[in-house]
N, C-alpha and C. Protein backbone atom coordinates (compact mmCIF):
# COMPACT_ATOMS: atom_id res chain seq x y z
N UNK A 1 0.85 -1.19 0.00
CA UNK A 1 0.00 0.00 0.00
C UNK A 1 0.89 1.25 0.00
N UNK A 2 0.72 2.14 -0.98
CA UNK A 2 1.57 3.33 -1.06
C UNK A 2 1.35 4.26 0.12
N UNK A 3 2.42 4.97 0.49
CA UNK A 3 2.35 5.91 1.60
C UNK A 3 2.56 7.32 1.08
N UNK A 4 2.42 8.29 1.96
CA UNK A 4 2.63 9.68 1.57
C UNK A 4 4.08 9.92 1.18
N UNK A 5 5.00 9.14 1.75
CA UNK A 5 6.40 9.24 1.36
C UNK A 5 6.59 8.82 -0.09
N UNK A 6 5.88 7.77 -0.50
CA UNK A 6 5.97 7.31 -1.88
C UNK A 6 5.46 8.37 -2.85
N UNK A 7 4.38 9.04 -2.46
CA UNK A 7 3.83 10.10 -3.31
C UNK A 7 4.83 11.25 -3.43
N UNK A 8 5.44 11.63 -2.31
CA UNK A 8 6.41 12.72 -2.32
C UNK A 8 7.60 12.37 -3.21
N UNK A 9 8.06 11.12 -3.12
CA UNK A 9 9.19 10.68 -3.93
C UNK A 9 8.83 10.69 -5.42
N UNK A 10 7.64 10.20 -5.74
CA UNK A 10 7.20 10.14 -7.13
C UNK A 10 7.04 11.54 -7.73
N UNK A 11 6.52 12.47 -6.92
CA UNK A 11 6.29 13.83 -7.42
C UNK A 11 7.52 14.72 -7.31
N UNK A 12 8.54 14.25 -6.59
CA UNK A 12 9.75 15.04 -6.43
C UNK A 12 9.56 16.24 -5.53
N UNK A 13 8.73 16.07 -4.50
CA UNK A 13 8.47 17.17 -3.56
C UNK A 13 8.61 16.64 -2.14
N UNK A 14 8.45 17.53 -1.17
CA UNK A 14 8.54 17.13 0.22
C UNK A 14 7.20 16.54 0.69
N UNK A 15 7.27 15.82 1.81
CA UNK A 15 6.04 15.26 2.39
C UNK A 15 5.08 16.38 2.78
N UNK A 16 5.64 17.49 3.27
CA UNK A 16 4.81 18.62 3.67
C UNK A 16 4.03 19.17 2.48
N UNK A 17 4.68 19.22 1.32
CA UNK A 17 4.01 19.72 0.12
C UNK A 17 2.85 18.82 -0.27
N UNK A 18 3.06 17.51 -0.19
CA UNK A 18 1.98 16.57 -0.48
C UNK A 18 0.81 16.80 0.47
N UNK A 19 1.13 17.01 1.74
CA UNK A 19 0.10 17.26 2.74
C UNK A 19 -0.66 18.54 2.44
N UNK A 20 0.06 19.59 2.02
CA UNK A 20 -0.59 20.85 1.66
C UNK A 20 -1.59 20.65 0.53
N UNK A 21 -1.19 19.87 -0.47
CA UNK A 21 -2.05 19.65 -1.63
C UNK A 21 -3.29 18.84 -1.23
N UNK A 22 -3.09 17.77 -0.48
CA UNK A 22 -4.20 16.89 -0.11
C UNK A 22 -5.19 17.57 0.83
N UNK A 23 -4.69 18.50 1.65
CA UNK A 23 -5.56 19.19 2.60
C UNK A 23 -5.96 20.57 2.12
N UNK A 24 -5.55 20.89 0.87
CA UNK A 24 -5.89 22.18 0.26
C UNK A 24 -5.49 23.34 1.17
N UNK A 25 -4.26 23.29 1.65
CA UNK A 25 -3.76 24.34 2.52
C UNK A 25 -2.31 24.66 2.14
N UNK A 26 -1.86 25.83 2.50
CA UNK A 26 -0.49 26.21 2.19
C UNK A 26 -0.35 26.73 0.77
N UNK A 27 0.74 27.45 0.53
CA UNK A 27 0.99 28.04 -0.79
C UNK A 27 1.72 27.04 -1.67
N UNK A 28 1.03 26.49 -2.66
CA UNK A 28 1.61 25.53 -3.60
C UNK A 28 1.24 25.97 -5.01
N UNK A 29 2.23 25.99 -5.90
CA UNK A 29 1.96 26.40 -7.28
C UNK A 29 1.05 25.38 -7.96
N UNK A 30 0.36 25.82 -9.00
CA UNK A 30 -0.55 24.93 -9.71
C UNK A 30 0.20 23.78 -10.37
N UNK A 31 1.40 24.06 -10.88
CA UNK A 31 2.19 23.00 -11.52
C UNK A 31 2.57 21.93 -10.51
N UNK A 32 2.98 22.35 -9.31
CA UNK A 32 3.34 21.39 -8.27
C UNK A 32 2.12 20.61 -7.81
N UNK A 33 1.03 21.31 -7.68
CA UNK A 33 -0.22 20.66 -7.26
C UNK A 33 -0.61 19.56 -8.23
N UNK A 34 -0.54 19.85 -9.52
CA UNK A 34 -0.90 18.86 -10.52
C UNK A 34 0.06 17.68 -10.50
N UNK A 35 1.33 17.95 -10.24
CA UNK A 35 2.33 16.87 -10.18
C UNK A 35 2.03 15.93 -9.01
N UNK A 36 1.64 16.52 -7.89
CA UNK A 36 1.30 15.70 -6.71
C UNK A 36 0.05 14.88 -6.98
N UNK A 37 -0.97 15.50 -7.56
CA UNK A 37 -2.21 14.78 -7.84
C UNK A 37 -2.00 13.65 -8.84
N UNK A 38 -1.13 13.88 -9.80
CA UNK A 38 -0.82 12.82 -10.77
C UNK A 38 -0.11 11.66 -10.09
N UNK A 39 0.77 11.97 -9.14
CA UNK A 39 1.46 10.92 -8.39
C UNK A 39 0.48 10.13 -7.53
N UNK A 40 -0.46 10.84 -6.93
CA UNK A 40 -1.50 10.19 -6.11
C UNK A 40 -2.30 9.23 -6.97
N UNK A 41 -2.69 9.68 -8.16
CA UNK A 41 -3.49 8.85 -9.06
C UNK A 41 -2.69 7.66 -9.56
N UNK A 42 -1.44 7.89 -9.91
CA UNK A 42 -0.60 6.82 -10.45
C UNK A 42 -0.36 5.72 -9.42
N UNK A 43 -0.10 6.12 -8.18
CA UNK A 43 0.21 5.14 -7.13
C UNK A 43 -1.04 4.57 -6.46
N UNK A 44 -2.18 5.22 -6.70
CA UNK A 44 -3.40 4.75 -6.04
C UNK A 44 -3.39 5.05 -4.56
N UNK A 45 -2.78 6.17 -4.19
CA UNK A 45 -2.66 6.51 -2.77
C UNK A 45 -4.00 7.00 -2.22
N UNK A 46 -4.35 6.53 -1.02
CA UNK A 46 -5.54 6.99 -0.33
C UNK A 46 -5.14 7.48 1.05
N UNK A 47 -5.33 8.77 1.32
CA UNK A 47 -4.92 9.30 2.63
C UNK A 47 -5.73 8.69 3.76
N UNK A 48 -5.11 8.59 4.91
CA UNK A 48 -5.75 8.04 6.10
C UNK A 48 -6.77 9.02 6.65
N UNK A 49 -8.02 8.58 6.72
CA UNK A 49 -9.07 9.43 7.28
C UNK A 49 -8.79 9.73 8.74
N UNK A 50 -8.27 8.74 9.46
CA UNK A 50 -7.97 8.93 10.88
C UNK A 50 -6.88 9.98 11.06
N UNK A 51 -5.83 9.88 10.24
CA UNK A 51 -4.74 10.84 10.35
C UNK A 51 -5.21 12.25 10.01
N UNK A 52 -6.04 12.36 8.97
CA UNK A 52 -6.56 13.67 8.61
C UNK A 52 -7.42 14.24 9.72
N UNK A 53 -8.20 13.36 10.36
CA UNK A 53 -9.06 13.82 11.44
C UNK A 53 -8.26 14.31 12.62
N UNK A 54 -7.17 13.60 12.95
CA UNK A 54 -6.33 14.03 14.06
C UNK A 54 -5.70 15.38 13.78
N UNK A 55 -5.27 15.57 12.54
CA UNK A 55 -4.62 16.82 12.18
C UNK A 55 -5.61 17.98 12.23
N UNK A 56 -6.82 17.74 11.76
CA UNK A 56 -7.83 18.79 11.72
C UNK A 56 -8.66 18.84 13.00
N UNK A 57 -8.37 17.95 13.95
CA UNK A 57 -9.14 17.83 15.19
C UNK A 57 -10.61 17.57 14.86
N UNK A 58 -10.82 16.67 13.90
CA UNK A 58 -12.16 16.25 13.53
C UNK A 58 -12.23 14.73 13.59
N UNK A 59 -13.35 14.21 14.04
CA UNK A 59 -13.52 12.76 14.11
C UNK A 59 -14.21 12.21 12.86
N UNK A 60 -14.88 13.09 12.11
CA UNK A 60 -15.68 12.70 10.95
C UNK A 60 -16.77 11.72 11.36
N UNK A 61 -17.23 11.85 12.59
CA UNK A 61 -18.27 10.98 13.13
C UNK A 61 -19.48 11.82 13.56
N UNK A 62 -20.67 11.27 13.34
CA UNK A 62 -21.91 11.88 13.81
C UNK A 62 -22.54 10.91 14.81
N UNK A 63 -22.75 11.37 16.02
CA UNK A 63 -23.29 10.51 17.06
C UNK A 63 -24.81 10.38 16.98
N UNK A 64 -25.29 9.17 17.23
CA UNK A 64 -26.74 8.94 17.24
C UNK A 64 -27.09 7.86 18.25
N UNK A 65 -28.11 8.13 19.05
CA UNK A 65 -28.58 7.17 20.03
C UNK A 65 -30.09 7.08 19.97
N UNK A 66 -30.63 5.92 20.26
CA UNK A 66 -32.08 5.76 20.27
C UNK A 66 -32.48 4.79 21.38
N UNK A 67 -33.72 4.90 21.78
CA UNK A 67 -34.23 4.01 22.82
C UNK A 67 -34.53 2.64 22.22
N UNK A 68 -34.04 1.58 22.83
CA UNK A 68 -34.24 0.24 22.26
C UNK A 68 -35.70 -0.18 22.27
N UNK A 69 -36.06 -0.96 21.26
CA UNK A 69 -37.41 -1.50 21.17
C UNK A 69 -37.51 -2.78 22.00
N UNK A 70 -38.70 -3.11 22.48
CA UNK A 70 -38.88 -4.41 23.16
C UNK A 70 -38.50 -5.54 22.22
N UNK A 71 -38.01 -6.66 22.74
CA UNK A 71 -37.53 -7.76 21.89
C UNK A 71 -38.59 -8.34 20.96
N UNK A 72 -39.87 -8.16 21.30
CA UNK A 72 -40.93 -8.73 20.47
C UNK A 72 -41.49 -7.72 19.47
N UNK A 73 -40.82 -6.56 19.32
CA UNK A 73 -41.30 -5.54 18.40
C UNK A 73 -40.22 -5.18 17.38
N UNK A 74 -40.67 -4.69 16.23
CA UNK A 74 -39.76 -4.30 15.16
C UNK A 74 -40.19 -2.95 14.62
N UNK A 75 -39.24 -2.06 14.41
CA UNK A 75 -39.55 -0.72 13.94
C UNK A 75 -38.92 -0.51 12.56
N UNK A 76 -39.66 -0.75 11.47
CA UNK A 76 -39.09 -0.58 10.13
C UNK A 76 -38.75 0.86 9.81
N UNK A 77 -39.48 1.81 10.42
CA UNK A 77 -39.19 3.23 10.17
C UNK A 77 -37.82 3.60 10.73
N UNK A 78 -37.51 3.09 11.93
CA UNK A 78 -36.21 3.37 12.53
C UNK A 78 -35.09 2.80 11.67
N UNK A 79 -35.30 1.61 11.14
CA UNK A 79 -34.28 0.99 10.28
C UNK A 79 -34.00 1.85 9.05
N UNK A 80 -35.06 2.34 8.41
CA UNK A 80 -34.89 3.19 7.23
C UNK A 80 -34.25 4.53 7.62
N UNK A 81 -34.62 5.04 8.78
CA UNK A 81 -34.08 6.31 9.26
C UNK A 81 -32.56 6.21 9.44
N UNK A 82 -32.11 5.16 10.12
CA UNK A 82 -30.67 4.99 10.37
C UNK A 82 -29.94 4.73 9.06
N UNK A 83 -30.53 3.91 8.20
CA UNK A 83 -29.89 3.61 6.91
C UNK A 83 -29.74 4.88 6.07
N UNK A 84 -30.79 5.68 6.01
CA UNK A 84 -30.72 6.93 5.25
C UNK A 84 -29.71 7.90 5.83
N UNK A 85 -29.65 7.97 7.15
CA UNK A 85 -28.69 8.86 7.80
C UNK A 85 -27.26 8.41 7.51
N UNK A 86 -27.02 7.10 7.57
CA UNK A 86 -25.68 6.58 7.30
C UNK A 86 -25.26 6.83 5.85
N UNK A 87 -26.19 6.66 4.92
CA UNK A 87 -25.89 6.91 3.51
C UNK A 87 -25.54 8.38 3.28
N UNK A 88 -26.32 9.28 3.87
CA UNK A 88 -26.07 10.71 3.70
C UNK A 88 -24.73 11.10 4.30
N UNK A 89 -24.42 10.55 5.47
CA UNK A 89 -23.14 10.85 6.12
C UNK A 89 -21.97 10.38 5.27
N UNK A 90 -22.09 9.18 4.71
CA UNK A 90 -21.01 8.62 3.90
C UNK A 90 -20.74 9.47 2.66
N UNK A 91 -21.80 9.99 2.06
CA UNK A 91 -21.63 10.83 0.87
C UNK A 91 -20.80 12.07 1.17
N UNK A 92 -20.79 12.49 2.41
CA UNK A 92 -20.05 13.70 2.79
C UNK A 92 -18.78 13.37 3.58
N UNK A 93 -18.35 12.12 3.53
CA UNK A 93 -17.10 11.74 4.18
C UNK A 93 -17.21 11.53 5.68
N UNK A 94 -18.42 11.27 6.16
CA UNK A 94 -18.63 11.03 7.59
C UNK A 94 -19.16 9.62 7.82
N UNK A 95 -19.17 9.21 9.08
CA UNK A 95 -19.78 7.94 9.47
C UNK A 95 -20.64 8.19 10.70
N UNK A 96 -21.60 7.31 10.92
CA UNK A 96 -22.49 7.43 12.07
C UNK A 96 -22.00 6.53 13.20
N UNK A 97 -21.81 7.12 14.36
CA UNK A 97 -21.38 6.38 15.54
C UNK A 97 -22.58 6.23 16.47
N UNK A 98 -23.08 5.01 16.59
CA UNK A 98 -24.23 4.78 17.46
C UNK A 98 -23.76 4.44 18.87
N UNK A 99 -24.55 4.83 19.84
CA UNK A 99 -24.22 4.52 21.23
C UNK A 99 -25.52 4.29 21.99
N UNK A 100 -25.48 3.49 23.06
CA UNK A 100 -26.71 3.10 23.75
C UNK A 100 -27.37 4.26 24.48
N UNK A 101 -28.68 4.22 24.51
CA UNK A 101 -29.45 5.20 25.26
C UNK A 101 -29.44 4.83 26.74
N UNK A 102 -29.59 5.82 27.59
CA UNK A 102 -29.61 5.58 29.03
C UNK A 102 -30.96 5.96 29.60
N UNK A 103 -31.11 5.77 30.90
CA UNK A 103 -32.35 6.15 31.55
C UNK A 103 -32.57 7.65 31.43
N UNK A 104 -33.83 8.05 31.42
CA UNK A 104 -34.17 9.46 31.25
C UNK A 104 -33.54 10.34 32.32
N UNK A 105 -33.33 9.78 33.52
CA UNK A 105 -32.76 10.57 34.61
C UNK A 105 -31.29 10.89 34.39
N UNK A 106 -30.63 10.15 33.48
CA UNK A 106 -29.21 10.38 33.22
C UNK A 106 -28.97 10.46 31.71
N UNK A 107 -29.86 11.15 31.02
CA UNK A 107 -29.84 11.17 29.56
C UNK A 107 -28.67 11.94 28.99
N UNK A 108 -28.12 12.88 29.75
CA UNK A 108 -27.07 13.76 29.23
C UNK A 108 -25.68 13.11 29.28
N UNK A 109 -25.45 12.21 30.21
CA UNK A 109 -24.11 11.66 30.43
C UNK A 109 -23.43 11.13 29.18
N UNK A 110 -24.07 10.27 28.37
CA UNK A 110 -23.37 9.76 27.18
C UNK A 110 -23.03 10.85 26.18
N UNK A 111 -23.87 11.87 26.08
CA UNK A 111 -23.59 12.98 25.17
C UNK A 111 -22.41 13.81 25.69
N UNK A 112 -22.39 14.05 26.99
CA UNK A 112 -21.28 14.81 27.58
C UNK A 112 -19.96 14.07 27.37
N UNK A 113 -19.98 12.75 27.55
CA UNK A 113 -18.76 11.96 27.37
C UNK A 113 -18.26 12.03 25.93
N UNK A 114 -19.17 11.93 24.97
CA UNK A 114 -18.80 12.01 23.56
C UNK A 114 -18.18 13.36 23.23
N UNK A 115 -18.75 14.41 23.79
CA UNK A 115 -18.25 15.76 23.53
C UNK A 115 -16.87 15.95 24.16
N UNK A 116 -16.73 15.58 25.43
CA UNK A 116 -15.48 15.81 26.15
C UNK A 116 -14.33 14.99 25.58
N UNK A 117 -14.62 13.81 25.06
CA UNK A 117 -13.58 12.96 24.48
C UNK A 117 -13.38 13.21 22.99
N UNK A 118 -14.13 14.17 22.45
CA UNK A 118 -14.03 14.53 21.03
C UNK A 118 -14.24 13.32 20.13
N UNK A 119 -15.22 12.51 20.49
CA UNK A 119 -15.50 11.31 19.71
C UNK A 119 -16.32 11.62 18.45
N UNK A 120 -17.11 12.70 18.51
CA UNK A 120 -17.98 13.04 17.38
C UNK A 120 -17.86 14.52 17.06
N UNK A 121 -18.25 14.87 15.83
CA UNK A 121 -18.27 16.27 15.41
C UNK A 121 -19.65 16.89 15.56
N UNK A 122 -20.64 16.06 15.80
CA UNK A 122 -22.01 16.55 15.95
C UNK A 122 -22.93 15.40 16.28
N UNK A 123 -24.20 15.72 16.54
CA UNK A 123 -25.19 14.69 16.89
C UNK A 123 -26.43 14.83 16.01
N UNK A 124 -27.09 13.71 15.80
CA UNK A 124 -28.44 13.68 15.25
C UNK A 124 -29.34 13.15 16.37
N UNK A 125 -30.38 13.89 16.69
CA UNK A 125 -31.29 13.50 17.77
C UNK A 125 -32.63 13.06 17.19
N UNK A 126 -33.28 12.15 17.87
CA UNK A 126 -34.65 11.78 17.52
C UNK A 126 -35.42 11.53 18.81
N UNK A 127 -36.72 11.27 18.68
CA UNK A 127 -37.56 11.06 19.86
C UNK A 127 -37.47 12.24 20.83
N UNK A 128 -37.46 13.45 20.29
CA UNK A 128 -37.37 14.62 21.15
C UNK A 128 -38.69 14.86 21.88
N UNK A 129 -38.58 15.41 23.07
CA UNK A 129 -39.74 15.72 23.90
C UNK A 129 -39.77 17.19 24.24
N UNK A 130 -40.84 17.62 24.87
CA UNK A 130 -40.97 19.00 25.30
C UNK A 130 -39.83 19.35 26.26
N UNK A 131 -39.13 20.45 25.97
CA UNK A 131 -38.00 20.90 26.78
C UNK A 131 -36.95 19.79 26.92
N UNK A 132 -36.68 19.11 25.83
CA UNK A 132 -35.75 17.98 25.83
C UNK A 132 -34.40 18.39 26.42
N UNK A 133 -33.93 17.70 27.47
CA UNK A 133 -32.66 18.08 28.11
C UNK A 133 -31.45 17.93 27.21
N UNK A 134 -31.50 17.00 26.24
CA UNK A 134 -30.38 16.84 25.31
C UNK A 134 -30.24 18.07 24.44
N UNK A 135 -31.36 18.56 23.95
CA UNK A 135 -31.35 19.77 23.12
C UNK A 135 -30.84 20.96 23.92
N UNK A 136 -31.32 21.10 25.15
CA UNK A 136 -30.90 22.23 25.99
C UNK A 136 -29.41 22.16 26.28
N UNK A 137 -28.90 20.96 26.57
CA UNK A 137 -27.47 20.80 26.87
C UNK A 137 -26.61 21.18 25.67
N UNK A 138 -26.96 20.68 24.49
CA UNK A 138 -26.16 20.96 23.30
C UNK A 138 -26.24 22.42 22.89
N UNK A 139 -27.39 23.04 23.11
CA UNK A 139 -27.50 24.48 22.86
C UNK A 139 -26.62 25.27 23.82
N UNK A 140 -26.61 24.87 25.08
CA UNK A 140 -25.85 25.61 26.09
C UNK A 140 -24.35 25.56 25.83
N UNK A 141 -23.86 24.44 25.29
CA UNK A 141 -22.41 24.33 25.04
C UNK A 141 -22.08 24.65 23.58
N UNK A 142 -23.09 25.03 22.80
CA UNK A 142 -22.91 25.42 21.40
C UNK A 142 -22.23 24.31 20.60
N UNK A 143 -22.78 23.09 20.72
CA UNK A 143 -22.23 21.94 20.00
C UNK A 143 -23.16 21.60 18.83
N UNK A 144 -22.61 21.30 17.65
CA UNK A 144 -23.45 21.07 16.46
C UNK A 144 -24.38 19.87 16.63
N UNK A 145 -25.63 20.05 16.21
CA UNK A 145 -26.59 18.95 16.21
C UNK A 145 -27.79 19.33 15.35
N UNK A 146 -28.54 18.32 14.96
CA UNK A 146 -29.81 18.51 14.28
C UNK A 146 -30.78 17.52 14.89
N UNK A 147 -32.05 17.89 14.97
CA UNK A 147 -33.03 17.03 15.63
C UNK A 147 -34.15 16.65 14.67
N UNK A 148 -34.57 15.40 14.77
CA UNK A 148 -35.77 14.97 14.07
C UNK A 148 -36.91 15.10 15.07
N UNK A 149 -37.54 16.26 15.07
CA UNK A 149 -38.57 16.57 16.05
C UNK A 149 -38.25 17.87 16.75
N UNK A 150 -39.27 18.47 17.32
CA UNK A 150 -39.11 19.75 18.01
C UNK A 150 -39.03 19.56 19.52
N UNK A 151 -38.66 20.62 20.23
CA UNK A 151 -38.52 20.52 21.68
C UNK A 151 -39.15 21.70 22.41
N UNK A 152 -38.97 22.88 21.87
CA UNK A 152 -39.51 24.09 22.50
C UNK A 152 -39.58 25.17 21.42
N UNK A 153 -40.75 25.76 21.19
CA UNK A 153 -40.87 26.76 20.12
C UNK A 153 -40.00 27.99 20.33
N UNK A 154 -39.51 28.20 21.54
CA UNK A 154 -38.67 29.37 21.82
C UNK A 154 -37.19 29.07 21.66
N UNK A 155 -36.83 27.81 21.45
CA UNK A 155 -35.42 27.44 21.28
C UNK A 155 -35.07 27.45 19.79
N UNK A 156 -33.96 28.09 19.47
CA UNK A 156 -33.54 28.22 18.08
C UNK A 156 -32.50 27.14 17.75
N UNK A 157 -32.91 26.13 17.01
CA UNK A 157 -31.98 25.07 16.60
C UNK A 157 -32.51 24.42 15.33
N UNK A 158 -31.63 23.67 14.66
CA UNK A 158 -32.00 23.03 13.39
C UNK A 158 -32.81 21.76 13.66
N UNK A 159 -33.97 21.66 13.03
CA UNK A 159 -34.79 20.46 13.19
C UNK A 159 -35.59 20.20 11.92
N UNK A 160 -35.97 18.95 11.75
CA UNK A 160 -36.90 18.54 10.70
C UNK A 160 -38.00 17.73 11.37
N UNK A 161 -39.20 17.79 10.83
CA UNK A 161 -40.30 17.09 11.47
C UNK A 161 -41.43 16.90 10.47
N UNK A 162 -42.29 15.96 10.76
CA UNK A 162 -43.51 15.79 9.97
C UNK A 162 -44.58 16.71 10.55
N UNK A 163 -45.56 17.06 9.74
CA UNK A 163 -46.65 17.92 10.20
C UNK A 163 -47.74 17.03 10.79
N UNK A 164 -47.56 16.69 12.06
CA UNK A 164 -48.49 15.79 12.72
C UNK A 164 -49.89 16.36 12.82
N UNK A 165 -50.00 17.67 13.02
CA UNK A 165 -51.32 18.29 13.13
C UNK A 165 -52.10 18.14 11.83
N UNK A 166 -51.44 18.44 10.71
CA UNK A 166 -52.11 18.34 9.41
C UNK A 166 -52.47 16.89 9.10
N UNK A 167 -51.58 15.96 9.45
CA UNK A 167 -51.84 14.55 9.17
C UNK A 167 -53.06 14.02 9.90
N UNK A 168 -53.16 14.32 11.19
CA UNK A 168 -54.31 13.85 11.97
C UNK A 168 -55.58 14.57 11.53
N UNK A 169 -55.46 15.85 11.20
CA UNK A 169 -56.63 16.59 10.73
C UNK A 169 -57.19 15.96 9.45
N UNK A 170 -56.31 15.56 8.55
CA UNK A 170 -56.75 14.89 7.32
C UNK A 170 -57.40 13.55 7.63
N UNK A 171 -56.84 12.82 8.60
CA UNK A 171 -57.41 11.53 8.97
C UNK A 171 -58.82 11.69 9.54
N UNK A 172 -59.00 12.69 10.40
CA UNK A 172 -60.32 12.93 10.98
C UNK A 172 -61.30 13.36 9.90
N UNK A 173 -60.86 14.22 8.99
CA UNK A 173 -61.73 14.66 7.90
C UNK A 173 -62.17 13.49 7.03
N UNK A 174 -61.27 12.53 6.85
CA UNK A 174 -61.62 11.34 6.07
C UNK A 174 -62.74 10.56 6.76
N UNK A 175 -62.64 10.42 8.08
CA UNK A 175 -63.69 9.72 8.82
C UNK A 175 -65.00 10.50 8.76
N UNK A 176 -64.90 11.82 8.81
CA UNK A 176 -66.11 12.65 8.72
C UNK A 176 -66.79 12.48 7.36
N UNK A 177 -65.98 12.40 6.31
CA UNK A 177 -66.54 12.22 4.97
C UNK A 177 -67.25 10.87 4.83
N UNK A 178 -66.81 9.90 5.63
CA UNK A 178 -67.45 8.58 5.61
C UNK A 178 -68.73 8.56 6.45
N UNK A 179 -69.01 9.68 7.11
CA UNK A 179 -70.24 9.78 7.89
C UNK A 179 -70.08 9.55 9.38
N UNK A 180 -68.87 9.34 9.84
CA UNK A 180 -68.65 9.12 11.28
C UNK A 180 -68.67 10.45 12.03
N UNK A 181 -69.20 10.42 13.24
CA UNK A 181 -69.27 11.63 14.05
C UNK A 181 -68.69 11.42 15.46
N UNK A 182 -68.74 10.22 15.97
CA UNK A 182 -68.20 9.94 17.30
C UNK A 182 -66.76 9.43 17.11
N UNK A 183 -65.84 10.38 17.00
CA UNK A 183 -64.45 10.07 16.66
C UNK A 183 -63.55 10.34 17.87
N UNK A 184 -62.82 9.35 18.29
CA UNK A 184 -61.91 9.48 19.43
C UNK A 184 -60.48 9.67 18.95
N UNK A 185 -59.60 10.03 19.87
CA UNK A 185 -58.19 10.24 19.54
C UNK A 185 -57.33 9.54 20.60
N UNK A 186 -56.48 8.62 20.15
CA UNK A 186 -55.54 7.97 21.06
C UNK A 186 -54.31 8.87 21.17
N UNK A 187 -54.24 9.62 22.26
CA UNK A 187 -53.20 10.64 22.41
C UNK A 187 -51.90 10.06 22.96
N UNK A 188 -50.82 10.81 22.73
CA UNK A 188 -49.50 10.46 23.26
C UNK A 188 -49.34 11.06 24.65
N UNK A 189 -48.24 10.73 25.36
CA UNK A 189 -48.00 11.35 26.68
C UNK A 189 -47.95 12.87 26.57
N UNK A 190 -48.31 13.56 27.64
CA UNK A 190 -48.39 15.01 27.62
C UNK A 190 -47.06 15.68 27.32
N UNK A 191 -45.94 15.04 27.71
CA UNK A 191 -44.63 15.66 27.48
C UNK A 191 -44.16 15.51 26.04
N UNK A 192 -44.93 14.83 25.22
CA UNK A 192 -44.56 14.62 23.82
C UNK A 192 -45.11 15.75 22.96
N UNK A 193 -44.20 16.51 22.33
CA UNK A 193 -44.65 17.56 21.42
C UNK A 193 -45.34 16.96 20.20
N UNK A 194 -44.85 15.80 19.76
CA UNK A 194 -45.49 15.12 18.64
C UNK A 194 -46.95 14.84 18.97
N UNK A 195 -47.19 14.35 20.18
CA UNK A 195 -48.55 14.07 20.61
C UNK A 195 -49.39 15.34 20.70
N UNK A 196 -48.78 16.42 21.16
CA UNK A 196 -49.51 17.68 21.28
C UNK A 196 -49.95 18.20 19.91
N UNK A 197 -49.04 18.13 18.94
CA UNK A 197 -49.38 18.60 17.60
C UNK A 197 -50.48 17.74 16.98
N UNK A 198 -50.41 16.44 17.19
CA UNK A 198 -51.43 15.56 16.63
C UNK A 198 -52.78 15.81 17.29
N UNK A 199 -52.76 16.04 18.59
CA UNK A 199 -54.00 16.33 19.30
C UNK A 199 -54.60 17.66 18.81
N UNK A 200 -53.73 18.61 18.51
CA UNK A 200 -54.20 19.89 17.96
C UNK A 200 -54.92 19.68 16.64
N UNK A 201 -54.34 18.83 15.78
CA UNK A 201 -54.99 18.54 14.50
C UNK A 201 -56.34 17.89 14.68
N UNK A 202 -56.44 17.00 15.65
CA UNK A 202 -57.71 16.33 15.95
C UNK A 202 -58.76 17.35 16.39
N UNK A 203 -58.39 18.21 17.33
CA UNK A 203 -59.34 19.19 17.85
C UNK A 203 -59.75 20.20 16.77
N UNK A 204 -58.80 20.58 15.92
CA UNK A 204 -59.12 21.53 14.85
C UNK A 204 -60.14 20.94 13.88
N UNK A 205 -59.96 19.67 13.53
CA UNK A 205 -60.89 19.02 12.60
C UNK A 205 -62.27 18.89 13.22
N UNK A 206 -62.32 18.53 14.49
CA UNK A 206 -63.61 18.38 15.17
C UNK A 206 -64.30 19.73 15.31
N UNK A 207 -63.53 20.78 15.62
CA UNK A 207 -64.12 22.11 15.75
C UNK A 207 -64.64 22.61 14.42
N UNK A 208 -63.90 22.35 13.34
CA UNK A 208 -64.34 22.79 12.01
C UNK A 208 -65.63 22.10 11.61
N UNK A 209 -65.83 20.88 12.11
CA UNK A 209 -67.06 20.13 11.80
C UNK A 209 -68.17 20.44 12.81
N UNK A 210 -67.90 21.38 13.73
CA UNK A 210 -68.84 21.77 14.78
C UNK A 210 -69.27 20.54 15.58
N UNK A 211 -68.27 19.75 15.97
CA UNK A 211 -68.51 18.58 16.80
C UNK A 211 -67.79 18.75 18.12
N UNK A 212 -68.50 18.59 19.20
CA UNK A 212 -67.90 18.73 20.53
C UNK A 212 -67.18 17.44 20.91
N UNK A 213 -65.96 17.58 21.39
CA UNK A 213 -65.19 16.42 21.83
C UNK A 213 -65.71 16.00 23.21
N UNK A 214 -66.27 14.83 23.28
CA UNK A 214 -66.87 14.36 24.52
C UNK A 214 -65.81 13.82 25.48
N UNK A 215 -66.17 13.81 26.76
CA UNK A 215 -65.27 13.25 27.78
C UNK A 215 -65.01 11.78 27.46
N UNK A 216 -63.75 11.41 27.53
CA UNK A 216 -63.39 10.02 27.25
C UNK A 216 -63.03 9.76 25.80
N UNK A 217 -63.16 10.77 24.94
CA UNK A 217 -62.79 10.59 23.53
C UNK A 217 -61.30 10.79 23.29
N UNK A 218 -60.61 11.38 24.26
CA UNK A 218 -59.16 11.61 24.12
C UNK A 218 -58.45 10.78 25.18
């Protein structure tokens, strides 16, 4: 396997010059740059991602944790979610580092350890809740992350989410079109923003149909 020394020898330059070209840093003439790149191509040299990460103080890792499913259940959406995230990360030269979830009372510890040990460059969060402590912690230390789900409308952070309110509203309207009027809603826990948005969609659809939500329907 060719090394950076082999590339430097082939191109007739120093190891430092090869490093400058590969990392796109330092003052290198275009002629020298092309000579180095030709040597890289000829020898089939592939720089070490680990070495580059150490030099740039980057791990090229994105941390992700999720709550385990019961052994008798299967979550195909989670499988597609992780697969899609891993594919997207790979396209940009990153990898996904998964780590186990902990009890809610100690939810921050694994994230703090990853940050302090510089194991990851950022996090992807899911299963976010109202005033999610993970979101608050990462905001407080200004560490990169993105969340699948919201946590607090007053917190400014990057997130993506489905429109649960619109989805449930459409579902209720479909039942109304079929002639149903006594429509209940199986709600999520109160601390779940996802559940709150879905409940909002349910109530909006019922109100638009001038139907009172009876006790025990939610």
